[in-house]
Amino acid sequence: MYLIRRVWKIKQGPGNMRKAAGLIREMGDRYEESGQRDTVRVYWSGYTVPGPANTVYMDWVQEKIESPYRENNETPSMGTAGAQLNEIQEESYIEFYEMQRPSD
């Protein structure tokens, strides 16, 4: 089982963190609705809490790591959320963590 976390570094600016978190939440909801992801969590650091400044995260748990470009995979439409996010992000990357199962 894997914890997968997407990370976005957001440009400084009034309201950018909350806007980015809302867009990322919208994207996560679309993946959930399509059945491609279980529950996603969206959170940030560096604004009112310690941690890297201007950073928004989305994570979820998956049984296995699969390519989004695999055959017969239908990626849900993100509408304009992705384009809007691109305007206020500096960079993004993805992290993968293998999880300890309770029975291991």
Protein backbone atom coordinates (compact mmCIF):
# COMPACT_ATOMS: atom_id res chain seq x y z
CA MET A 1 0.00 0.00 0.00
CA TYR A 2 1.29 3.46 -0.86
CA LEU A 3 0.76 7.01 0.28
CA ILE A 4 1.07 9.31 -2.71
CA ARG A 5 1.50 13.04 -2.20
CA ARG A 6 1.41 15.81 -4.79
CA VAL A 7 3.11 19.03 -3.72
CA TRP A 8 2.66 22.50 -5.20
CA LYS A 9 4.81 25.52 -4.43
CA ILE A 10 2.52 28.55 -4.84
CA LYS A 11 3.52 32.07 -5.87
CA GLN A 12 3.22 34.65 -3.13
CA GLY A 13 0.23 36.90 -3.52
CA PRO A 14 -3.00 37.84 -1.80
CA GLY A 15 -5.34 34.86 -1.71
CA ASN A 16 -3.12 32.57 -3.77
CA MET A 17 -2.83 29.86 -1.10
CA ARG A 18 -6.57 29.58 -0.55
CA LYS A 19 -7.28 29.75 -4.30
CA ALA A 20 -4.71 27.03 -5.00
CA ALA A 21 -6.09 24.80 -2.22
CA GLY A 22 -9.61 25.21 -3.63
CA LEU A 23 -8.49 24.31 -7.15
CA ILE A 24 -6.52 21.30 -5.89
CA ARG A 25 -9.53 20.18 -3.81
CA GLU A 26 -11.69 20.44 -6.95
CA MET A 27 -9.21 18.29 -8.87
CA GLY A 28 -9.10 15.74 -6.07
CA ASP A 29 -12.90 15.59 -5.98
CA ARG A 30 -12.98 14.84 -9.72
CA TYR A 31 -10.53 11.97 -9.27
CA GLU A 32 -12.64 10.61 -6.38
CA GLU A 33 -15.89 10.92 -8.35
CA SER A 34 -14.35 9.04 -11.29
CA GLY A 35 -13.30 6.20 -8.98
CA GLN A 36 -9.60 6.75 -9.71
CA ARG A 37 -8.70 7.68 -6.13
CA ASP A 38 -9.97 6.97 -2.68
CA THR A 39 -10.36 9.88 -0.29
CA VAL A 40 -7.92 12.72 -0.96
CA ARG A 41 -6.76 15.24 1.63
CA VAL A 42 -5.73 18.80 0.77
CA TYR A 43 -3.70 20.89 3.22
CA TRP A 44 -1.03 23.59 3.29
CA SER A 45 1.89 24.90 5.27
CA GLY A 46 3.72 28.14 5.76
CA TYR A 47 0.79 30.51 6.02
CA THR A 48 -0.62 30.17 9.52
CA VAL A 49 1.30 27.02 10.47
CA PRO A 50 4.97 26.00 10.44
CA GLY A 51 6.43 24.31 7.40
CA PRO A 52 7.63 25.24 3.94
CA ALA A 53 6.15 28.57 2.90
CA ASN A 54 3.41 28.75 0.27
CA THR A 55 3.08 25.00 -0.15
CA VAL A 56 -0.14 23.06 -0.81
CA TYR A 57 -0.36 19.26 -0.62
CA MET A 58 -2.82 16.63 -1.79
CA ASP A 59 -2.41 13.04 -0.67
CA TRP A 60 -4.23 9.75 -1.00
CA VAL A 61 -3.63 6.04 -0.43
CA GLN A 62 -3.46 3.46 -3.22
CA GLU A 63 -2.95 -0.28 -3.19
CA LYS A 64 -0.41 -0.06 -6.03
CA ILE A 65 1.39 2.59 -8.05
CA GLU A 66 0.05 2.81 -11.58
CA SER A 67 0.89 5.07 -14.49
CA PRO A 68 -1.81 7.60 -15.34
CA TYR A 69 -0.90 6.84 -18.99
CA ARG A 70 -1.70 3.12 -18.73
CA GLU A 71 -3.83 1.56 -21.44
CA ASN A 72 -7.59 2.08 -21.10
CA ASN A 73 -7.20 4.62 -18.29
CA GLU A 74 -9.65 7.50 -18.64
CA THR A 75 -8.35 10.56 -16.81
CA PRO A 76 -11.23 12.72 -15.56
CA SER A 77 -11.64 16.20 -17.00
CA MET A 78 -10.25 18.91 -14.73
CA GLY A 79 -12.16 21.68 -16.47
CA THR A 80 -10.27 24.95 -16.01
CA ALA A 81 -8.85 24.03 -12.57
CA GLY A 82 -5.49 22.85 -13.93
CA ALA A 83 -5.00 25.93 -16.11
CA GLN A 84 -5.92 28.26 -13.24
CA LEU A 85 -3.53 26.45 -10.92
CA ASN A 86 -0.69 26.72 -13.45
CA GLU A 87 -1.01 30.51 -13.31
CA ILE A 88 -0.27 30.69 -9.57
CA GLN A 89 2.13 27.79 -9.03
CA GLU A 90 5.92 27.97 -9.16
CA GLU A 91 6.52 24.23 -9.30
CA SER A 92 5.00 20.87 -8.44
CA TYR A 93 6.24 17.37 -7.80
CA ILE A 94 5.04 14.03 -6.52
CA GLU A 95 6.25 11.87 -3.62
CA PHE A 96 5.68 8.15 -3.01
CA TYR A 97 5.81 6.39 0.36
CA GLU A 98 5.37 2.71 1.06
CA MET A 99 3.14 2.19 4.08
CA GLN A 100 3.49 -0.28 6.92
CA ARG A 101 0.42 -2.49 7.04
CA PRO A 102 -0.98 -3.26 10.49
CA SER A 103 -0.46 -7.01 9.96
CA ASP A 104 3.21 -6.68 8.80
